[in-house]
Amino acid sequence: MATKSSNEVQSKKREKRTGRENLLGYGEETKPRSRNLGEIVAKYRKSKDAFSLATSAKNKLVQRQEKLGKINNQTEELEGNSEDYASLANELLKKMEKRKWWQI
């Protein structure tokens, strides 16, 4: 009878699972399968040598440096434009302070 009650408890647990658990599986029921070397190599195909990997990393670093340089130039340009805008706004404010409300 203890076996029957434990089966009932497990079936109730299965009913309470969320949709995600039903879709992806539940912890104790799913076990990772072992793969051999051939399957891993076929999946990733990264059988390059160290020199080509280093060259690829260097090229990516150069590209990143160029992107950061462009961003830096854009930032400096934006800063200059904002300073110009601020000075023009201050000049306009000083000019308008001298006028009376009916002259505006």
PDB file of N, CA and C in Angstrom:
ATOM      1  N   MET A   1       0.815  -1.187   0.000  1.00  0.00           N
ATOM      2  CA  MET A   1       0.000   0.000   0.000  1.00  0.00           C
ATOM      3  C   MET A   1       0.867   1.263   0.000  1.00  0.00           C
ATOM      4  N   ALA A   2       2.044   1.184   0.617  1.00  0.00           N
ATOM      5  CA  ALA A   2       2.951   2.321   0.614  1.00  0.00           C
ATOM      6  C   ALA A   2       3.391   2.653  -0.797  1.00  0.00           C
ATOM      7  N   THR A   3       3.522   1.658  -1.637  1.00  0.00           N
ATOM      8  CA  THR A   3       3.918   1.873  -3.016  1.00  0.00           C
ATOM      9  C   THR A   3       2.824   2.619  -3.770  1.00  0.00           C
ATOM     10  N   LYS A   4       1.605   2.253  -3.526  1.00  0.00           N
ATOM     11  CA  LYS A   4       0.494   2.915  -4.187  1.00  0.00           C
ATOM     12  C   LYS A   4       0.403   4.385  -3.792  1.00  0.00           C
ATOM     13  N   SER A   5       0.590   4.679  -2.529  1.00  0.00           N
ATOM     14  CA  SER A   5       0.517   6.071  -2.086  1.00  0.00           C
ATOM     15  C   SER A   5       1.673   6.893  -2.639  1.00  0.00           C
ATOM     16  N   SER A   6       2.868   6.305  -2.741  1.00  0.00           N
ATOM     17  CA  SER A   6       3.995   7.049  -3.309  1.00  0.00           C
ATOM     18  C   SER A   6       3.769   7.309  -4.796  1.00  0.00           C
ATOM     19  N   ASN A   7       3.134   6.361  -5.493  1.00  0.00           N
ATOM     20  CA  ASN A   7       2.797   6.580  -6.900  1.00  0.00           C
ATOM     21  C   ASN A   7       1.771   7.694  -7.044  1.00  0.00           C
ATOM     22  N   GLU A   8       0.811   7.706  -6.126  1.00  0.00           N
ATOM     23  CA  GLU A   8      -0.199   8.761  -6.156  1.00  0.00           C
ATOM     24  C   GLU A   8       0.427  10.124  -5.904  1.00  0.00           C
ATOM     25  N   VAL A   9       1.381  10.187  -4.992  1.00  0.00           N
ATOM     26  CA  VAL A   9       2.059  11.443  -4.687  1.00  0.00           C
ATOM     27  C   VAL A   9       2.842  11.925  -5.904  1.00  0.00           C
ATOM     28  N   GLN A  10       3.541  11.006  -6.576  1.00  0.00           N
ATOM     29  CA  GLN A  10       4.308  11.377  -7.762  1.00  0.00           C
ATOM     30  C   GLN A  10       3.395  11.853  -8.883  1.00  0.00           C
ATOM     31  N   SER A  11       2.256  11.195  -9.048  1.00  0.00           N
ATOM     32  CA  SER A  11       1.328  11.629 -10.100  1.00  0.00           C
ATOM     33  C   SER A  11       0.752  13.005  -9.791  1.00  0.00           C
ATOM     34  N   LYS A  12       0.517  13.291  -8.517  1.00  0.00           N
ATOM     35  CA  LYS A  12       0.027  14.620  -8.137  1.00  0.00           C
ATOM     36  C   LYS A  12       1.091  15.686  -8.391  1.00  0.00           C
ATOM     37  N   LYS A  13       2.361  15.318  -8.140  1.00  0.00           N
ATOM     38  CA  LYS A  13       3.454  16.259  -8.412  1.00  0.00           C
ATOM     39  C   LYS A  13       3.537  16.566  -9.900  1.00  0.00           C
ATOM     40  N   ARG A  14       3.365  15.553 -10.737  1.00  0.00           N
ATOM     41  CA  ARG A  14       3.406  15.756 -12.182  1.00  0.00           C
ATOM     42  C   ARG A  14       2.302  16.695 -12.635  1.00  0.00           C
ATOM     43  N   GLU A  15       1.138  16.588 -12.027  1.00  0.00           N
ATOM     44  CA  GLU A  15       0.008  17.430 -12.389  1.00  0.00           C
ATOM     45  C   GLU A  15       0.248  18.888 -12.009  1.00  0.00           C
ATOM     46  N   LYS A  16       1.006  19.119 -10.948  1.00  0.00           N
ATOM     47  CA  LYS A  16       1.241  20.472 -10.444  1.00  0.00           C
ATOM     48  C   LYS A  16       2.357  21.199 -11.184  1.00  0.00           C
ATOM     49  N   ARG A  17       3.100  20.530 -12.037  1.00  0.00           N
ATOM     50  CA  ARG A  17       4.228  21.162 -12.736  1.00  0.00           C
ATOM     51  C   ARG A  17       3.752  22.273 -13.658  1.00  0.00           C
ATOM     52  N   THR A  18       4.627  23.216 -13.854  1.00  0.00           N
ATOM     53  CA  THR A  18       4.305  24.333 -14.732  1.00  0.00           C
ATOM     54  C   THR A  18       4.484  23.913 -16.175  1.00  0.00           C
ATOM     55  N   GLY A  19       4.049  24.764 -17.074  1.00  0.00           N
ATOM     56  CA  GLY A  19       4.195  24.483 -18.493  1.00  0.00           C
ATOM     57  C   GLY A  19       5.647  24.395 -18.909  1.00  0.00           C
ATOM     58  N   ARG A  20       6.486  25.219 -18.305  1.00  0.00           N
ATOM     59  CA  ARG A  20       7.911  25.208 -18.632  1.00  0.00           C
ATOM     60  C   ARG A  20       8.537  23.875 -18.252  1.00  0.00           C
ATOM     61  N   GLU A  21       8.185  23.376 -17.076  1.00  0.00           N
ATOM     62  CA  GLU A  21       8.740  22.104 -16.631  1.00  0.00           C
ATOM     63  C   GLU A  21       8.255  20.962 -17.515  1.00  0.00           C
ATOM     64  N   ASN A  22       7.006  21.024 -17.942  1.00  0.00           N
ATOM     65  CA  ASN A  22       6.494  19.986 -18.828  1.00  0.00           C
ATOM     66  C   ASN A  22       7.182  20.037 -20.187  1.00  0.00           C
ATOM     67  N   LEU A  23       7.466  21.241 -20.661  1.00  0.00           N
ATOM     68  CA  LEU A  23       8.102  21.393 -21.963  1.00  0.00           C
ATOM     69  C   LEU A  23       9.561  20.984 -21.940  1.00  0.00           C
ATOM     70  N   LEU A  24      10.297  21.465 -20.952  1.00  0.00           N
ATOM     71  CA  LEU A  24      11.734  21.214 -20.896  1.00  0.00           C
ATOM     72  C   LEU A  24      12.099  19.958 -20.135  1.00  0.00           C
ATOM     73  N   GLY A  25      11.212  19.430 -19.393  1.00  0.00           N
ATOM     74  CA  GLY A  25      11.512  18.245 -18.602  1.00  0.00           C
ATOM     75  C   GLY A  25      11.739  18.626 -17.158  1.00  0.00           C
ATOM     76  N   TYR A  26      11.712  17.627 -16.315  1.00  0.00           N
ATOM     77  CA  TYR A  26      11.859  17.855 -14.894  1.00  0.00           C
ATOM     78  C   TYR A  26      13.158  17.249 -14.430  1.00  0.00           C
ATOM     79  N   GLY A  27      13.791  17.817 -13.425  1.00  0.00           N
ATOM     80  CA  GLY A  27      15.127  17.475 -12.962  1.00  0.00           C
ATOM     81  C   GLY A  27      15.469  16.010 -12.853  1.00  0.00           C
ATOM     82  N   GLU A  28      14.735  15.244 -12.068  1.00  0.00           N
ATOM     83  CA  GLU A  28      15.137  13.861 -11.838  1.00  0.00           C
ATOM     84  C   GLU A  28      14.796  12.947 -13.005  1.00  0.00           C
ATOM     85  N   GLU A  29      13.889  13.369 -13.885  1.00  0.00           N
ATOM     86  CA  GLU A  29      13.497  12.519 -14.992  1.00  0.00           C
ATOM     87  C   GLU A  29      14.410  12.669 -16.197  1.00  0.00           C
ATOM     88  N   THR A  30      15.043  13.812 -16.370  1.00  0.00           N
ATOM     89  CA  THR A  30      15.900  14.027 -17.529  1.00  0.00           C
ATOM     90  C   THR A  30      17.353  13.915 -17.107  1.00  0.00           C
ATOM     91  N   LYS A  31      18.084  13.155 -17.868  1.00  0.00           N
ATOM     92  CA  LYS A  31      19.508  12.986 -17.598  1.00  0.00           C
ATOM     93  C   LYS A  31      20.281  13.398 -18.847  1.00  0.00           C
ATOM     94  N   PRO A  32      21.396  14.103 -18.701  1.00  0.00           N
ATOM     95  CA  PRO A  32      22.171  14.469 -19.886  1.00  0.00           C
ATOM     96  C   PRO A  32      22.767  13.222 -20.529  1.00  0.00           C
ATOM     97  N   ARG A  33      22.750  13.202 -21.836  1.00  0.00           N
ATOM     98  CA  ARG A  33      23.332  12.047 -22.506  1.00  0.00           C
ATOM     99  C   ARG A  33      24.794  12.334 -22.794  1.00  0.00           C
ATOM    100  N   SER A  34      25.600  11.325 -22.745  1.00  0.00           N
ATOM    101  CA  SER A  34      27.023  11.507 -22.998  1.00  0.00           C
ATOM    102  C   SER A  34      27.260  11.484 -24.495  1.00  0.00           C
ATOM    103  N   ARG A  35      28.180  12.338 -24.933  1.00  0.00           N
ATOM    104  CA  ARG A  35      28.521  12.411 -26.348  1.00  0.00           C
ATOM    105  C   ARG A  35      29.964  11.996 -26.540  1.00  0.00           C
ATOM    106  N   ASN A  36      30.254  11.496 -27.718  1.00  0.00           N
ATOM    107  CA  ASN A  36      31.634  11.116 -27.994  1.00  0.00           C
ATOM    108  C   ASN A  36      32.362  12.265 -28.686  1.00  0.00           C
ATOM    109  N   LEU A  37      33.643  12.097 -28.919  1.00  0.00           N
ATOM    110  CA  LEU A  37      34.481  13.156 -29.492  1.00  0.00           C
ATOM    111  C   LEU A  37      34.013  13.537 -30.892  1.00  0.00           C
ATOM    112  N   GLY A  38      33.613  12.585 -31.671  1.00  0.00           N
ATOM    113  CA  GLY A  38      33.161  12.865 -33.035  1.00  0.00           C
ATOM    114  C   GLY A  38      31.948  13.765 -33.069  1.00  0.00           C
ATOM    115  N   GLU A  39      30.997  13.542 -32.173  1.00  0.00           N
ATOM    116  CA  GLU A  39      29.805  14.386 -32.121  1.00  0.00           C
ATOM    117  C   GLU A  39      30.150  15.808 -31.707  1.00  0.00           C
ATOM    118  N   ILE A  40      31.061  15.938 -30.768  1.00  0.00           N
ATOM    119  CA  ILE A  40      31.448  17.272 -30.296  1.00  0.00           C
ATOM    120  C   ILE A  40      32.162  18.041 -31.395  1.00  0.00           C
ATOM    121  N   VAL A  41      33.100  17.390 -32.089  1.00  0.00           N
ATOM    122  CA  VAL A  41      33.836  18.053 -33.171  1.00  0.00           C
ATOM    123  C   VAL A  41      32.889  18.416 -34.301  1.00  0.00           C
ATOM    124  N   ALA A  42      31.958  17.534 -34.633  1.00  0.00           N
ATOM    125  CA  ALA A  42      30.996  17.824 -35.693  1.00  0.00           C
ATOM    126  C   ALA A  42      30.114  19.014 -35.333  1.00  0.00           C
ATOM    127  N   LYS A  43      29.774  19.150 -34.071  1.00  0.00           N
ATOM    128  CA  LYS A  43      28.908  20.243 -33.638  1.00  0.00           C
ATOM    129  C   LYS A  43      29.628  21.592 -33.696  1.00  0.00           C
ATOM    130  N   TYR A  44      30.842  21.645 -33.204  1.00  0.00           N
ATOM    131  CA  TYR A  44      31.513  22.936 -33.049  1.00  0.00           C
ATOM    132  C   TYR A  44      32.474  23.258 -34.181  1.00  0.00           C
ATOM    133  N   ARG A  45      33.071  22.311 -34.821  1.00  0.00           N
ATOM    134  CA  ARG A  45      33.982  22.515 -35.952  1.00  0.00           C
ATOM    135  C   ARG A  45      34.996  23.631 -35.707  1.00  0.00           C
ATOM    136  N   LYS A  46      35.577  23.659 -34.564  1.00  0.00           N
ATOM    137  CA  LYS A  46      36.590  24.659 -34.210  1.00  0.00           C
ATOM    138  C   LYS A  46      37.973  23.997 -34.178  1.00  0.00           C
ATOM    139  N   SER A  47      38.303  23.300 -35.219  1.00  0.00           N
ATOM    140  CA  SER A  47      39.583  22.585 -35.243  1.00  0.00           C
ATOM    141  C   SER A  47      40.687  23.462 -35.830  1.00  0.00           C
ATOM    142  N   LYS A  48      40.701  24.739 -35.495  1.00  0.00           N
ATOM    143  CA  LYS A  48      41.719  25.669 -35.978  1.00  0.00           C
ATOM    144  C   LYS A  48      42.951  25.592 -35.092  1.00  0.00           C
ATOM    145  N   ASP A  49      44.058  26.040 -35.650  1.00  0.00           N
ATOM    146  CA  ASP A  49      45.284  26.055 -34.861  1.00  0.00           C
ATOM    147  C   ASP A  49      45.386  27.348 -34.062  1.00  0.00           C
ATOM    148  N   ALA A  50      46.366  27.420 -33.225  1.00  0.00           N
ATOM    149  CA  ALA A  50      46.514  28.563 -32.314  1.00  0.00           C
ATOM    150  C   ALA A  50      46.802  29.851 -33.070  1.00  0.00           C
ATOM    151  N   PHE A  51      47.564  29.764 -34.163  1.00  0.00           N
ATOM    152  CA  PHE A  51      47.910  30.968 -34.914  1.00  0.00           C
ATOM    153  C   PHE A  51      46.670  31.617 -35.516  1.00  0.00           C
ATOM    154  N   SER A  52      45.796  30.819 -36.114  1.00  0.00           N
ATOM    155  CA  SER A  52      44.599  31.395 -36.723  1.00  0.00           C
ATOM    156  C   SER A  52      43.662  31.961 -35.665  1.00  0.00           C
ATOM    157  N   LEU A  53      43.597  31.318 -34.509  1.00  0.00           N
ATOM    158  CA  LEU A  53      42.772  31.853 -33.423  1.00  0.00           C
ATOM    159  C   LEU A  53      43.325  33.177 -32.910  1.00  0.00           C
ATOM    160  N   ALA A  54      44.649  33.269 -32.799  1.00  0.00           N
ATOM    161  CA  ALA A  54      45.267  34.513 -32.345  1.00  0.00           C
ATOM    162  C   ALA A  54      45.062  35.628 -33.360  1.00  0.00           C
ATOM    163  N   THR A  55      45.175  35.295 -34.638  1.00  0.00           N
ATOM    164  CA  THR A  55      44.960  36.287 -35.693  1.00  0.00           C
ATOM    165  C   THR A  55      43.520  36.778 -35.670  1.00  0.00           C
ATOM    166  N   SER A  56      42.593  35.868 -35.493  1.00  0.00           N
ATOM    167  CA  SER A  56      41.190  36.248 -35.418  1.00  0.00           C
ATOM    168  C   SER A  56      40.930  37.158 -34.220  1.00  0.00           C
ATOM    169  N   ALA A  57      41.511  36.823 -33.087  1.00  0.00           N
ATOM    170  CA  ALA A  57      41.342  37.651 -31.891  1.00  0.00           C
ATOM    171  C   ALA A  57      41.945  39.033 -32.098  1.00  0.00           C
ATOM    172  N   LYS A  58      43.086  39.099 -32.772  1.00  0.00           N
ATOM    173  CA  LYS A  58      43.738  40.388 -33.032  1.00  0.00           C
ATOM    174  C   LYS A  58      42.875  41.236 -33.957  1.00  0.00           C
ATOM    175  N   ASN A  59      42.300  40.624 -34.993  1.00  0.00           N
ATOM    176  CA  ASN A  59      41.433  41.364 -35.907  1.00  0.00           C
ATOM    177  C   ASN A  59      40.199  41.906 -35.194  1.00  0.00           C
ATOM    178  N   LYS A  60      39.624  41.103 -34.329  1.00  0.00           N
ATOM    179  CA  LYS A  60      38.468  41.561 -33.558  1.00  0.00           C
ATOM    180  C   LYS A  60      38.848  42.710 -32.628  1.00  0.00           C
ATOM    181  N   LEU A  61      40.044  42.649 -32.065  1.00  0.00           N
ATOM    182  CA  LEU A  61      40.516  43.718 -31.187  1.00  0.00           C
ATOM    183  C   LEU A  61      40.700  45.016 -31.956  1.00  0.00           C
ATOM    184  N   VAL A  62      41.240  44.923 -33.175  1.00  0.00           N
ATOM    185  CA  VAL A  62      41.432  46.109 -34.006  1.00  0.00           C
ATOM    186  C   VAL A  62      40.081  46.710 -34.380  1.00  0.00           C
ATOM    187  N   GLN A  63      39.119  45.855 -34.735  1.00  0.00           N
ATOM    188  CA  GLN A  63      37.780  46.348 -35.061  1.00  0.00           C
ATOM    189  C   GLN A  63      37.139  47.044 -33.862  1.00  0.00           C
ATOM    190  N   ARG A  64      37.325  46.466 -32.699  1.00  0.00           N
ATOM    191  CA  ARG A  64      36.756  47.077 -31.489  1.00  0.00           C
ATOM    192  C   ARG A  64      37.414  48.420 -31.212  1.00  0.00           C
ATOM    193  N   GLN A  65      38.727  48.493 -31.417  1.00  0.00           N
ATOM    194  CA  GLN A  65      39.444  49.747 -31.207  1.00  0.00           C
ATOM    195  C   GLN A  65      38.939  50.819 -32.174  1.00  0.00           C
ATOM    196  N   GLU A  66      38.676  50.439 -33.429  1.00  0.00           N
ATOM    197  CA  GLU A  66      38.148  51.404 -34.398  1.00  0.00           C
ATOM    198  C   GLU A  66      36.764  51.898 -33.979  1.00  0.00           C
ATOM    199  N   LYS A  67      35.917  50.984 -33.526  1.00  0.00           N
ATOM    200  CA  LYS A  67      34.577  51.377 -33.078  1.00  0.00           C
ATOM    201  C   LYS A  67      34.659  52.320 -31.888  1.00  0.00           C
ATOM    202  N   LEU A  68      35.537  52.007 -30.934  1.00  0.00           N
ATOM    203  CA  LEU A  68      35.685  52.893 -29.767  1.00  0.00           C
ATOM    204  C   LEU A  68      36.223  54.253 -30.177  1.00  0.00           C
ATOM    205  N   GLY A  69      37.113  54.281 -31.170  1.00  0.00           N
ATOM    206  CA  GLY A  69      37.627  55.552 -31.669  1.00  0.00           C
ATOM    207  C   GLY A  69      36.528  56.395 -32.294  1.00  0.00           C
ATOM    208  N   LYS A  70      35.649  55.750 -33.077  1.00  0.00           N
ATOM    209  CA  LYS A  70      34.527  56.472 -33.680  1.00  0.00           C
ATOM    210  C   LYS A  70      33.602  57.027 -32.608  1.00  0.00           C
ATOM    211  N   ILE A  71      33.331  56.215 -31.608  1.00  0.00           N
ATOM    212  CA  ILE A  71      32.451  56.662 -30.517  1.00  0.00           C
ATOM    213  C   ILE A  71      33.081  57.830 -29.772  1.00  0.00           C
ATOM    214  N   ASN A  72      34.385  57.767 -29.563  1.00  0.00           N
ATOM    215  CA  ASN A  72      35.089  58.848 -28.875  1.00  0.00           C
ATOM    216  C   ASN A  72      35.004  60.140 -29.689  1.00  0.00           C
ATOM    217  N   ASN A  73      35.202  60.044 -31.018  1.00  0.00           N
ATOM    218  CA  ASN A  73      35.106  61.237 -31.872  1.00  0.00           C
ATOM    219  C   ASN A  73      33.697  61.817 -31.853  1.00  0.00           C
ATOM    220  N   GLN A  74      32.697  60.953 -31.906  1.00  0.00           N
ATOM    221  CA  GLN A  74      31.315  61.426 -31.857  1.00  0.00           C
ATOM    222  C   GLN A  74      31.009  62.097 -30.524  1.00  0.00           C
ATOM    223  N   THR A  75      31.564  61.568 -29.446  1.00  0.00           N
ATOM    224  CA  THR A  75      31.353  62.148 -28.129  1.00  0.00           C
ATOM    225  C   THR A  75      31.973  63.536 -28.041  1.00  0.00           C
ATOM    226  N   GLU A  76      33.187  63.667 -28.570  1.00  0.00           N
ATOM    227  CA  GLU A  76      33.850  64.979 -28.547  1.00  0.00           C
ATOM    228  C   GLU A  76      33.085  65.989 -29.396  1.00  0.00           C
ATOM    229  N   GLU A  77      32.567  65.550 -30.549  1.00  0.00           N
ATOM    230  CA  GLU A  77      31.794  66.439 -31.410  1.00  0.00           C
ATOM    231  C   GLU A  77      30.499  66.871 -30.720  1.00  0.00           C
ATOM    232  N   LEU A  78      29.844  65.930 -30.075  1.00  0.00           N
ATOM    233  CA  LEU A  78      28.617  66.244 -29.351  1.00  0.00           C
ATOM    234  C   LEU A  78      28.887  67.207 -28.196  1.00  0.00           C
ATOM    235  N   GLU A  79      29.992  67.008 -27.513  1.00  0.00           N
ATOM    236  CA  GLU A  79      30.359  67.908 -26.415  1.00  0.00           C
ATOM    237  C   GLU A  79      30.604  69.325 -26.929  1.00  0.00           C
ATOM    238  N   GLY A  80      31.319  69.435 -28.051  1.00  0.00           N
ATOM    239  CA  GLY A  80      31.565  70.753 -28.647  1.00  0.00           C
ATOM    240  C   GLY A  80      30.276  71.425 -29.076  1.00  0.00           C
ATOM    241  N   ASN A  81      29.388  70.656 -29.699  1.00  0.00           N
ATOM    242  CA  ASN A  81      28.100  71.223 -30.126  1.00  0.00           C
ATOM    243  C   ASN A  81      27.268  71.677 -28.928  1.00  0.00           C
ATOM    244  N   SER A  82      27.303  70.925 -27.846  1.00  0.00           N
ATOM    245  CA  SER A  82      26.526  71.325 -26.670  1.00  0.00           C
ATOM    246  C   SER A  82      27.105  72.589 -26.039  1.00  0.00           C
ATOM    247  N   GLU A  83      28.424  72.736 -26.056  1.00  0.00           N
ATOM    248  CA  GLU A  83      29.039  73.963 -25.532  1.00  0.00           C
ATOM    249  C   GLU A  83      28.669  75.159 -26.394  1.00  0.00           C
ATOM    250  N   ASP A  84      28.641  74.980 -27.721  1.00  0.00           N
ATOM    251  CA  ASP A  84      28.231  76.061 -28.619  1.00  0.00           C
ATOM    252  C   ASP A  84      26.781  76.458 -28.364  1.00  0.00           C
ATOM    253  N   TYR A  85      25.928  75.461 -28.181  1.00  0.00           N
ATOM    254  CA  TYR A  85      24.523  75.729 -27.913  1.00  0.00           C
ATOM    255  C   TYR A  85      24.350  76.479 -26.594  1.00  0.00           C
ATOM    256  N   ALA A  86      25.101  76.068 -25.590  1.00  0.00           N
ATOM    257  CA  ALA A  86      25.006  76.727 -24.286  1.00  0.00           C
ATOM    258  C   ALA A  86      25.464  78.182 -24.382  1.00  0.00           C
ATOM    259  N   SER A  87      26.524  78.444 -25.116  1.00  0.00           N
ATOM    260  CA  SER A  87      26.997  79.832 -25.232  1.00  0.00           C
ATOM    261  C   SER A  87      25.999  80.686 -26.014  1.00  0.00           C
ATOM    262  N   LEU A  88      25.398  80.124 -27.072  1.00  0.00           N
ATOM    263  CA  LEU A  88      24.380  80.871 -27.817  1.00  0.00           C
ATOM    264  C   LEU A  88      23.159  81.147 -26.945  1.00  0.00           C
ATOM    265  N   ALA A  89      22.777  80.188 -26.137  1.00  0.00           N
ATOM    266  CA  ALA A  89      21.637  80.387 -25.242  1.00  0.00           C
ATOM    267  C   ALA A  89      21.934  81.481 -24.217  1.00  0.00           C
ATOM    268  N   ASN A  90      23.151  81.510 -23.704  1.00  0.00           N
ATOM    269  CA  ASN A  90      23.528  82.572 -22.754  1.00  0.00           C
ATOM    270  C   ASN A  90      23.538  83.934 -23.421  1.00  0.00           C
ATOM    271  N   GLU A  91      24.043  84.033 -24.647  1.00  0.00           N
ATOM    272  CA  GLU A  91      24.036  85.316 -25.359  1.00  0.00           C
ATOM    273  C   GLU A  91      22.611  85.793 -25.602  1.00  0.00           C
ATOM    274  N   LEU A  92      21.742  84.880 -26.009  1.00  0.00           N
ATOM    275  CA  LEU A  92      20.345  85.241 -26.235  1.00  0.00           C
ATOM    276  C   LEU A  92      19.678  85.692 -24.940  1.00  0.00           C
ATOM    277  N   LEU A  93      19.984  85.029 -23.831  1.00  0.00           N
ATOM    278  CA  LEU A  93      19.421  85.399 -22.544  1.00  0.00           C
ATOM    279  C   LEU A  93      19.861  86.806 -22.148  1.00  0.00           C
ATOM    280  N   LYS A  94      21.147  87.107 -22.338  1.00  0.00           N
ATOM    281  CA  LYS A  94      21.644  88.456 -21.997  1.00  0.00           C
ATOM    282  C   LYS A  94      21.008  89.514 -22.878  1.00  0.00           C
ATOM    283  N   LYS A  95      20.813  89.182 -24.142  1.00  0.00           N
ATOM    284  CA  LYS A  95      20.207  90.127 -25.067  1.00  0.00           C
ATOM    285  C   LYS A  95      18.751  90.400 -24.696  1.00  0.00           C
ATOM    286  N   MET A  96      18.042  89.346 -24.294  1.00  0.00           N
ATOM    287  CA  MET A  96      16.632  89.486 -23.949  1.00  0.00           C
ATOM    288  C   MET A  96      16.430  90.148 -22.590  1.00  0.00           C
ATOM    289  N   GLU A  97      17.399  90.065 -21.701  1.00  0.00           N
ATOM    290  CA  GLU A  97      17.268  90.699 -20.389  1.00  0.00           C
ATOM    291  C   GLU A  97      17.242  92.217 -20.504  1.00  0.00           C
ATOM    292  N   LYS A  98      17.901  92.763 -21.511  1.00  0.00           N
ATOM    293  CA  LYS A  98      17.968  94.215 -21.672  1.00  0.00           C
ATOM    294  C   LYS A  98      16.687  94.771 -22.287  1.00  0.00           C
ATOM    295  N   ARG A  99      15.923  93.932 -22.951  1.00  0.00           N
ATOM    296  CA  ARG A  99      14.689  94.387 -23.571  1.00  0.00           C
ATOM    297  C   ARG A  99      13.540  94.383 -22.573  1.00  0.00           C
ATOM    298  N   LYS A 100      12.593  95.188 -22.848  1.00  0.00           N
ATOM    299  CA  LYS A 100      11.362  95.230 -22.071  1.00  0.00           C
ATOM    300  C   LYS A 100      10.396  94.199 -22.626  1.00  0.00           C
ATOM    301  N   TRP A 101       9.382  93.870 -21.881  1.00  0.00           N
ATOM    302  CA  TRP A 101       8.475  92.815 -22.305  1.00  0.00           C
ATOM    303  C   TRP A 101       7.730  93.187 -23.588  1.00  0.00           C
ATOM    304  N   TRP A 102       7.483  94.465 -23.855  1.00  0.00           N
ATOM    305  CA  TRP A 102       6.735  94.868 -25.041  1.00  0.00           C
ATOM    306  C   TRP A 102       7.623  94.906 -26.291  1.00  0.00           C
ATOM    307  N   GLN A 103       8.958  94.826 -26.111  1.00  0.00           N
ATOM    308  CA  GLN A 103       9.863  94.840 -27.264  1.00  0.00           C
ATOM    309  C   GLN A 103      10.136  93.420 -27.805  1.00  0.00           C
ATOM    310  N   ILE A 104       9.713  92.452 -27.077  1.00  0.00           N
ATOM    311  CA  ILE A 104       9.959  91.070 -27.493  1.00  0.00           C
ATOM    312  C   ILE A 104       8.973  90.737 -28.558  1.00  0.00           C
TER     313      ILE A 104
END
